[in-house]
């Protein structure tokens, strides 16, 4: 891996870089193969965040101009 990292001109640790790249590629492949179950899992995660952490959006304010968790614009 070190030789490939040098050839690519990487200035990061090759083990961390290639491990992270491999995890990202694996994640993208799984998303492409099974978009339905992954979409359902992300939907469930989003519901959990909105239900359990929705209070955070009240304290955060609107400094970034984003949409709040309660549906306001």
PDB file of N, CA and C in Angstrom:
ATOM      1  N   UNK A   1       0.815  -1.189   0.000  1.00  0.00           N
ATOM      2  CA  UNK A   1       0.000   0.000   0.000  1.00  0.00           C
ATOM      3  C   UNK A   1       0.861   1.257   0.000  1.00  0.00           C
ATOM      4  N   UNK A   2       1.993   1.187   0.649  1.00  0.00           N
ATOM      5  CA  UNK A   2       2.865   2.368   0.705  1.00  0.00           C
ATOM      6  C   UNK A   2       3.346   2.766  -0.687  1.00  0.00           C
ATOM      7  N   UNK A   3       3.682   1.780  -1.504  1.00  0.00           N
ATOM      8  CA  UNK A   3       4.162   2.086  -2.856  1.00  0.00           C
ATOM      9  C   UNK A   3       3.063   2.749  -3.679  1.00  0.00           C
ATOM     10  N   UNK A   4       1.840   2.254  -3.572  1.00  0.00           N
ATOM     11  CA  UNK A   4       0.723   2.855  -4.293  1.00  0.00           C
ATOM     12  C   UNK A   4       0.441   4.262  -3.787  1.00  0.00           C
ATOM     13  N   UNK A   5       0.516   4.460  -2.478  1.00  0.00           N
ATOM     14  CA  UNK A   5       0.296   5.785  -1.901  1.00  0.00           C
ATOM     15  C   UNK A   5       1.347   6.774  -2.399  1.00  0.00           C
ATOM     16  N   UNK A   6       2.601   6.330  -2.466  1.00  0.00           N
ATOM     17  CA  UNK A   6       3.654   7.201  -2.988  1.00  0.00           C
ATOM     18  C   UNK A   6       3.435   7.510  -4.461  1.00  0.00           C
ATOM     19  N   UNK A   7       3.021   6.491  -5.225  1.00  0.00           N
ATOM     20  CA  UNK A   7       2.781   6.673  -6.655  1.00  0.00           C
ATOM     21  C   UNK A   7       1.636   7.656  -6.891  1.00  0.00           C
ATOM     22  N   UNK A   8       0.596   7.599  -6.027  1.00  0.00           N
ATOM     23  CA  UNK A   8      -0.534   8.518  -6.145  1.00  0.00           C
ATOM     24  C   UNK A   8      -0.244   9.893  -5.543  1.00  0.00           C
ATOM     25  N   UNK A   9       0.862  10.009  -4.828  1.00  0.00           N
ATOM     26  CA  UNK A   9       1.235  11.277  -4.219  1.00  0.00           C
ATOM     27  C   UNK A   9       0.416  11.626  -2.988  1.00  0.00           C
ATOM     28  N   UNK A  10      -0.060  10.606  -2.278  1.00  0.00           N
ATOM     29  CA  UNK A  10      -0.863  10.849  -1.086  1.00  0.00           C
ATOM     30  C   UNK A  10       0.002  11.373   0.043  1.00  0.00           C
ATOM     31  N   UNK A  11      -0.551  12.317   0.788  1.00  0.00           N
ATOM     32  CA  UNK A  11       0.163  12.846   1.939  1.00  0.00           C
ATOM     33  C   UNK A  11      -0.508  12.395   3.241  1.00  0.00           C
ATOM     34  N   UNK A  12      -1.347  11.375   3.149  1.00  0.00           N
ATOM     35  CA  UNK A  12      -2.020  10.830   4.319  1.00  0.00           C
ATOM     36  C   UNK A  12      -1.506   9.424   4.586  1.00  0.00           C
ATOM     37  N   UNK A  13      -1.895   8.887   5.720  1.00  0.00           N
ATOM     38  CA  UNK A  13      -1.527   7.517   6.064  1.00  0.00           C
ATOM     39  C   UNK A  13      -2.242   6.575   5.102  1.00  0.00           C
ATOM     40  N   UNK A  14      -1.531   5.742   4.366  1.00  0.00           N
ATOM     41  CA  UNK A  14      -2.170   4.877   3.381  1.00  0.00           C
ATOM     42  C   UNK A  14      -3.174   3.898   3.974  1.00  0.00           C
ATOM     43  N   UNK A  15      -2.933   3.401   5.180  1.00  0.00           N
ATOM     44  CA  UNK A  15      -3.868   2.454   5.787  1.00  0.00           C
ATOM     45  C   UNK A  15      -5.200   3.142   6.045  1.00  0.00           C
ATOM     46  N   UNK A  16      -5.165   4.334   6.601  1.00  0.00           N
ATOM     47  CA  UNK A  16      -6.402   5.076   6.872  1.00  0.00           C
ATOM     48  C   UNK A  16      -7.085   5.445   5.564  1.00  0.00           C
ATOM     49  N   UNK A  17      -6.331   5.924   4.581  1.00  0.00           N
ATOM     50  CA  UNK A  17      -6.923   6.340   3.315  1.00  0.00           C
ATOM     51  C   UNK A  17      -7.602   5.183   2.594  1.00  0.00           C
ATOM     52  N   UNK A  18      -6.892   4.076   2.411  1.00  0.00           N
ATOM     53  CA  UNK A  18      -7.446   2.968   1.646  1.00  0.00           C
ATOM     54  C   UNK A  18      -8.565   2.256   2.402  1.00  0.00           C
ATOM     55  N   UNK A  19      -8.483   2.204   3.727  1.00  0.00           N
ATOM     56  CA  UNK A  19      -9.582   1.633   4.504  1.00  0.00           C
ATOM     57  C   UNK A  19     -10.837   2.482   4.360  1.00  0.00           C
ATOM     58  N   UNK A  20     -10.693   3.795   4.473  1.00  0.00           N
ATOM     59  CA  UNK A  20     -11.834   4.697   4.312  1.00  0.00           C
ATOM     60  C   UNK A  20     -12.402   4.619   2.904  1.00  0.00           C
ATOM     61  N   UNK A  21     -11.547   4.589   1.913  1.00  0.00           N
ATOM     62  CA  UNK A  21     -12.006   4.487   0.525  1.00  0.00           C
ATOM     63  C   UNK A  21     -12.746   3.170   0.306  1.00  0.00           C
ATOM     64  N   UNK A  22     -12.242   2.085   0.870  1.00  0.00           N
ATOM     65  CA  UNK A  22     -12.900   0.789   0.737  1.00  0.00           C
ATOM     66  C   UNK A  22     -14.270   0.764   1.390  1.00  0.00           C
ATOM     67  N   UNK A  23     -14.386   1.376   2.566  1.00  0.00           N
ATOM     68  CA  UNK A  23     -15.682   1.443   3.249  1.00  0.00           C
ATOM     69  C   UNK A  23     -16.668   2.268   2.429  1.00  0.00           C
ATOM     70  N   UNK A  24     -16.217   3.377   1.865  1.00  0.00           N
ATOM     71  CA  UNK A  24     -17.108   4.212   1.046  1.00  0.00           C
ATOM     72  C   UNK A  24     -17.558   3.470  -0.208  1.00  0.00           C
ATOM     73  N   UNK A  25     -16.646   2.779  -0.855  1.00  0.00           N
ATOM     74  CA  UNK A  25     -17.000   2.032  -2.064  1.00  0.00           C
ATOM     75  C   UNK A  25     -17.973   0.904  -1.723  1.00  0.00           C
ATOM     76  N   UNK A  26     -17.724   0.196  -0.625  1.00  0.00           N
ATOM     77  CA  UNK A  26     -18.636  -0.860  -0.193  1.00  0.00           C
ATOM     78  C   UNK A  26     -20.027  -0.290   0.098  1.00  0.00           C
ATOM     79  N   UNK A  27     -20.081   0.837   0.767  1.00  0.00           N
ATOM     80  CA  UNK A  27     -21.352   1.490   1.079  1.00  0.00           C
ATOM     81  C   UNK A  27     -22.092   1.869  -0.197  1.00  0.00           C
ATOM     82  N   UNK A  28     -21.388   2.428  -1.175  1.00  0.00           N
ATOM     83  CA  UNK A  28     -22.023   2.795  -2.437  1.00  0.00           C
ATOM     84  C   UNK A  28     -22.521   1.577  -3.205  1.00  0.00           C
ATOM     85  N   UNK A  29     -21.763   0.493  -3.190  1.00  0.00           N
ATOM     86  CA  UNK A  29     -22.189  -0.731  -3.873  1.00  0.00           C
ATOM     87  C   UNK A  29     -23.462  -1.283  -3.229  1.00  0.00           C
ATOM     88  N   UNK A  30     -23.505  -1.292  -1.899  1.00  0.00           N
ATOM     89  CA  UNK A  30     -24.702  -1.771  -1.206  1.00  0.00           C
ATOM     90  C   UNK A  30     -25.894  -0.878  -1.537  1.00  0.00           C
ATOM     91  N   UNK A  31     -25.686   0.436  -1.606  1.00  0.00           N
ATOM     92  CA  UNK A  31     -26.769   1.345  -1.971  1.00  0.00           C
ATOM     93  C   UNK A  31     -27.281   1.065  -3.380  1.00  0.00           C
ATOM     94  N   UNK A  32     -26.394   0.756  -4.289  1.00  0.00           N
ATOM     95  CA  UNK A  32     -26.807   0.476  -5.658  1.00  0.00           C
ATOM     96  C   UNK A  32     -27.506  -0.871  -5.793  1.00  0.00           C
ATOM     97  N   UNK A  33     -27.083  -1.852  -5.002  1.00  0.00           N
ATOM     98  CA  UNK A  33     -27.660  -3.190  -5.089  1.00  0.00           C
ATOM     99  C   UNK A  33     -29.028  -3.259  -4.416  1.00  0.00           C
ATOM    100  N   UNK A  34     -29.168  -2.620  -3.265  1.00  0.00           N
ATOM    101  CA  UNK A  34     -30.408  -2.742  -2.488  1.00  0.00           C
ATOM    102  C   UNK A  34     -30.918  -1.366  -2.052  1.00  0.00           C
ATOM    103  N   UNK A  35     -31.392  -0.534  -2.986  1.00  0.00           N
ATOM    104  CA  UNK A  35     -31.830   0.809  -2.591  1.00  0.00           C
ATOM    105  C   UNK A  35     -33.085   0.810  -1.721  1.00  0.00           C
ATOM    106  N   UNK A  36     -33.979  -0.157  -1.903  1.00  0.00           N
ATOM    107  CA  UNK A  36     -35.218  -0.193  -1.122  1.00  0.00           C
ATOM    108  C   UNK A  36     -34.983  -0.390   0.368  1.00  0.00           C
ATOM    109  N   UNK A  37     -34.298  -1.475   0.759  1.00  0.00           N
ATOM    110  CA  UNK A  37     -34.050  -1.678   2.193  1.00  0.00           C
ATOM    111  C   UNK A  37     -33.200  -0.575   2.816  1.00  0.00           C
ATOM    112  N   UNK A  38     -32.238  -0.068   2.063  1.00  0.00           N
ATOM    113  CA  UNK A  38     -31.404   1.010   2.595  1.00  0.00           C
ATOM    114  C   UNK A  38     -32.237   2.265   2.784  1.00  0.00           C
ATOM    115  N   UNK A  39     -33.120   2.555   1.821  1.00  0.00           N
ATOM    116  CA  UNK A  39     -34.002   3.716   1.944  1.00  0.00           C
ATOM    117  C   UNK A  39     -34.912   3.587   3.155  1.00  0.00           C
ATOM    118  N   UNK A  40     -35.421   2.374   3.387  1.00  0.00           N
ATOM    119  CA  UNK A  40     -36.276   2.151   4.557  1.00  0.00           C
ATOM    120  C   UNK A  40     -35.486   2.347   5.851  1.00  0.00           C
ATOM    121  N   UNK A  41     -34.261   1.872   5.877  1.00  0.00           N
ATOM    122  CA  UNK A  41     -33.425   2.036   7.076  1.00  0.00           C
ATOM    123  C   UNK A  41     -33.116   3.506   7.320  1.00  0.00           C
ATOM    124  N   UNK A  42     -32.783   4.247   6.256  1.00  0.00           N
ATOM    125  CA  UNK A  42     -32.514   5.678   6.418  1.00  0.00           C
ATOM    126  C   UNK A  42     -33.768   6.421   6.842  1.00  0.00           C
ATOM    127  N   UNK A  43     -34.927   6.011   6.317  1.00  0.00           N
ATOM    128  CA  UNK A  43     -36.186   6.625   6.718  1.00  0.00           C
ATOM    129  C   UNK A  43     -36.469   6.398   8.196  1.00  0.00           C
ATOM    130  N   UNK A  44     -36.223   5.181   8.658  1.00  0.00           N
ATOM    131  CA  UNK A  44     -36.420   4.874  10.080  1.00  0.00           C
ATOM    132  C   UNK A  44     -35.451   5.675  10.943  1.00  0.00           C
ATOM    133  N   UNK A  45     -34.205   5.800  10.481  1.00  0.00           N
ATOM    134  CA  UNK A  45     -33.233   6.607  11.214  1.00  0.00           C
ATOM    135  C   UNK A  45     -33.628   8.071  11.277  1.00  0.00           C
ATOM    136  N   UNK A  46     -34.139   8.584  10.167  1.00  0.00           N
ATOM    137  CA  UNK A  46     -34.586   9.971  10.127  1.00  0.00           C
ATOM    138  C   UNK A  46     -35.748  10.193  11.080  1.00  0.00           C
ATOM    139  N   UNK A  47     -36.704   9.258  11.086  1.00  0.00           N
ATOM    140  CA  UNK A  47     -37.838   9.364  12.006  1.00  0.00           C
ATOM    141  C   UNK A  47     -37.369   9.366  13.455  1.00  0.00           C
ATOM    142  N   UNK A  48     -36.401   8.513  13.771  1.00  0.00           N
ATOM    143  CA  UNK A  48     -35.884   8.457  15.138  1.00  0.00           C
ATOM    144  C   UNK A  48     -35.229   9.778  15.517  1.00  0.00           C
ATOM    145  N   UNK A  49     -34.450  10.330  14.598  1.00  0.00           N
ATOM    146  CA  UNK A  49     -33.776  11.598  14.879  1.00  0.00           C
ATOM    147  C   UNK A  49     -34.786  12.713  15.087  1.00  0.00           C
ATOM    148  N   UNK A  50     -35.782  12.802  14.210  1.00  0.00           N
ATOM    149  CA  UNK A  50     -36.781  13.861  14.333  1.00  0.00           C
ATOM    150  C   UNK A  50     -37.579  13.683  15.631  1.00  0.00           C
ATOM    151  N   UNK A  51     -37.924  12.446  15.979  1.00  0.00           N
ATOM    152  CA  UNK A  51     -38.709  12.190  17.185  1.00  0.00           C
ATOM    153  C   UNK A  51     -37.906  12.447  18.450  1.00  0.00           C
ATOM    154  N   UNK A  52     -36.667  11.955  18.492  1.00  0.00           N
ATOM    155  CA  UNK A  52     -35.888  12.020  19.734  1.00  0.00           C
ATOM    156  C   UNK A  52     -34.963  13.224  19.836  1.00  0.00           C
ATOM    157  N   UNK A  53     -34.605  13.815  18.731  1.00  0.00           N
ATOM    158  CA  UNK A  53     -33.685  14.950  18.763  1.00  0.00           C
ATOM    159  C   UNK A  53     -34.291  16.214  18.159  1.00  0.00           C
ATOM    160  N   UNK A  54     -35.586  16.195  17.915  1.00  0.00           N
ATOM    161  CA  UNK A  54     -36.241  17.365  17.336  1.00  0.00           C
ATOM    162  C   UNK A  54     -36.090  18.603  18.196  1.00  0.00           C
ATOM    163  N   UNK A  55     -35.994  18.432  19.514  1.00  0.00           N
ATOM    164  CA  UNK A  55     -35.814  19.562  20.424  1.00  0.00           C
ATOM    165  C   UNK A  55     -34.545  20.339  20.112  1.00  0.00           C
ATOM    166  N   UNK A  56     -33.547  19.651  19.570  1.00  0.00           N
ATOM    167  CA  UNK A  56     -32.272  20.300  19.272  1.00  0.00           C
ATOM    168  C   UNK A  56     -32.458  21.443  18.283  1.00  0.00           C
ATOM    169  N   UNK A  57     -33.399  21.290  17.337  1.00  0.00           N
ATOM    170  CA  UNK A  57     -33.609  22.302  16.322  1.00  0.00           C
ATOM    171  C   UNK A  57     -34.181  23.585  16.911  1.00  0.00           C
ATOM    172  N   UNK A  58     -34.899  23.484  18.016  1.00  0.00           N
ATOM    173  CA  UNK A  58     -35.421  24.686  18.672  1.00  0.00           C
ATOM    174  C   UNK A  58     -34.297  25.499  19.274  1.00  0.00           C
ATOM    175  N   UNK A  59     -33.311  24.838  19.870  1.00  0.00           N
ATOM    176  CA  UNK A  59     -32.192  25.539  20.500  1.00  0.00           C
ATOM    177  C   UNK A  59     -31.178  26.030  19.476  1.00  0.00           C
ATOM    178  N   UNK A  60     -31.117  25.371  18.345  1.00  0.00           N
ATOM    179  CA  UNK A  60     -30.150  25.706  17.315  1.00  0.00           C
ATOM    180  C   UNK A  60     -30.485  27.034  16.672  1.00  0.00           C
ATOM    181  N   UNK A  61     -31.739  27.368  16.570  1.00  0.00           N
ATOM    182  CA  UNK A  61     -32.128  28.608  15.924  1.00  0.00           C
ATOM    183  C   UNK A  61     -32.119  28.461  14.423  1.00  0.00           C
ATOM    184  N   UNK A  62     -32.139  29.560  13.745  1.00  0.00           N
ATOM    185  CA  UNK A  62     -32.198  29.537  12.283  1.00  0.00           C
ATOM    186  C   UNK A  62     -31.006  30.290  11.688  1.00  0.00           C
ATOM    187  N   UNK A  63     -29.838  30.157  12.320  1.00  0.00           N
ATOM    188  CA  UNK A  63     -28.677  30.901  11.842  1.00  0.00           C
ATOM    189  C   UNK A  63     -28.206  30.454  10.463  1.00  0.00           C
ATOM    190  N   UNK A  64     -28.537  29.225  10.075  1.00  0.00           N
ATOM    191  CA  UNK A  64     -28.118  28.742   8.765  1.00  0.00           C
ATOM    192  C   UNK A  64     -29.232  28.807   7.738  1.00  0.00           C
ATOM    193  N   UNK A  65     -30.428  29.215   8.163  1.00  0.00           N
ATOM    194  CA  UNK A  65     -31.545  29.325   7.235  1.00  0.00           C
ATOM    195  C   UNK A  65     -32.084  27.999   6.766  1.00  0.00           C
ATOM    196  N   UNK A  66     -31.915  26.947   7.575  1.00  0.00           N
ATOM    197  CA  UNK A  66     -32.376  25.629   7.148  1.00  0.00           C
ATOM    198  C   UNK A  66     -33.806  25.386   7.593  1.00  0.00           C
ATOM    199  N   UNK A  67     -34.385  24.321   7.096  1.00  0.00           N
ATOM    200  CA  UNK A  67     -35.750  23.942   7.453  1.00  0.00           C
ATOM    201  C   UNK A  67     -35.721  23.288   8.822  1.00  0.00           C
ATOM    202  N   UNK A  68     -36.661  23.639   9.691  1.00  0.00           N
ATOM    203  CA  UNK A  68     -36.679  23.071  11.030  1.00  0.00           C
ATOM    204  C   UNK A  68     -37.316  21.689  11.021  1.00  0.00           C
ATOM    205  N   UNK A  69     -37.173  20.984  12.127  1.00  0.00           N
ATOM    206  CA  UNK A  69     -37.694  19.625  12.241  1.00  0.00           C
ATOM    207  C   UNK A  69     -39.217  19.600  12.313  1.00  0.00           C
ATOM    208  N   UNK A  70     -39.858  20.724  12.626  1.00  0.00           N
ATOM    209  CA  UNK A  70     -41.316  20.733  12.767  1.00  0.00           C
ATOM    210  C   UNK A  70     -41.997  21.120  11.455  1.00  0.00           C
ATOM    211  N   UNK A  71     -41.266  21.245  10.401  1.00  0.00           N
ATOM    212  CA  UNK A  71     -41.846  21.461   9.087  1.00  0.00           C
ATOM    213  C   UNK A  71     -41.909  22.910   8.649  1.00  0.00           C
ATOM    214  N   UNK A  72     -41.388  23.824   9.432  1.00  0.00           N
ATOM    215  CA  UNK A  72     -41.396  25.233   9.030  1.00  0.00           C
ATOM    216  C   UNK A  72     -40.317  25.513   8.000  1.00  0.00           C
ATOM    217  N   UNK A  73     -40.486  26.593   7.283  1.00  0.00           N
ATOM    218  CA  UNK A  73     -39.490  26.925   6.262  1.00  0.00           C
ATOM    219  C   UNK A  73     -38.602  28.035   6.711  1.00  0.00           C
TER     220      UNK A  73
END
